[in-house]
């Protein structure tokens, strides 16, 4: 991986302008570029938003929730697309790892919640293993002795999103400005420049709502990065600790990403003492051996959430192509979303049915609809 990405030349008259330089926008731009389309990404600071904060879990199994079969199918298709996507960027360059994921329950009540999740896995025919306490600790010796049980998924993988973005920035032309207004064939930037094109793609994450009035809200997530010996933690671990969710994702270099809070705080990106405390409290209850390694970074990002927790992928009535609202699964769904966006722009068949993710679906939503807050029967994501 290059130490500092060098931006490719910006085309004078791009066919497509992608608004948003997170992993969704950059991946879509790269796919379009590979398909022979001249493209440019508009973003004030590409790769520094939710992607920069993300842990990089590629977890369609552990992100499965009752009543969200359409999201599960999208996530499974996305998981299948990741090996080729990672290979095209460089497996080692992006630290793509396929060693599975363990979800562990701290106490008996937490175990009951995981049993509920296991019932969903069985109903959907997903390949998981339900584990007793000893079996959990055999797979991950760092787990606390009191862990009551867990679920292991061989299909849930991981990647380093910061490395993915660095590789994409080496390949995709970007313009470091904000979009003030968008239309199907032009973008007006915050410095007054009018950029014209054949098609605009909006992939602006949590800011998509402000830009176009979509029902997208920012969901704050605080996250920590620890640093210890490589291999200290064998597997990515998602835990339920006294009803709260926490995860720890190890990198090949010894970094361990711990997260993440879920807060409805608007566009507030402050790291708070309470948020850091809650994450450390829960992760150390689950993995006490992490208490002696270094805390090297705290960060907060804003996930883009739609009312029904599903992403927005498709062409709107306004003629704009949308790729936003991916909530917790932006890293996972980047390759499949990129393929879908390229197909929409070129008028080709999309890789899966996008009707459940249409940007026009909210107009028909019944009043009084209340989405779940991102969890299954009390298990926060």
Foldseek 3Di string as FASTA:
>chain_A
DDPFADADDQDPAFQEEEEAQALQSLLLQLLLVVVVGRYEYEAQDHHPFPLVQFQFKLPLLVLDAPPPVVQSVLSVVLLVLPVVVCVVLDCVLFQWWQAWEKEWEQDDVSVVLQVVSVVVCVVVVADKDKFALVRVCVQWVLFDSRTGTIMIHSSIIGTRSSSVSSSSSNPHHYDNFHFQADAQFWTQTPVGDIHGHNGYEYAHFQCPCVHPVFQKFWWKWKKWKWADQFPNTPHWYWYQYPLEIKIWHAGRRRIIMIIIDTHRDTPDWDDDPVGVVVRCVRVCSTRVVRPPTGTDDMTMHIGIAHQQQPAAAQADPRRHGYTYHNGSCCSSNSNLSSQQSSCRSVVHDRPDDCVVRHSPVVVPDDPPDGHPPCDYPSYHD
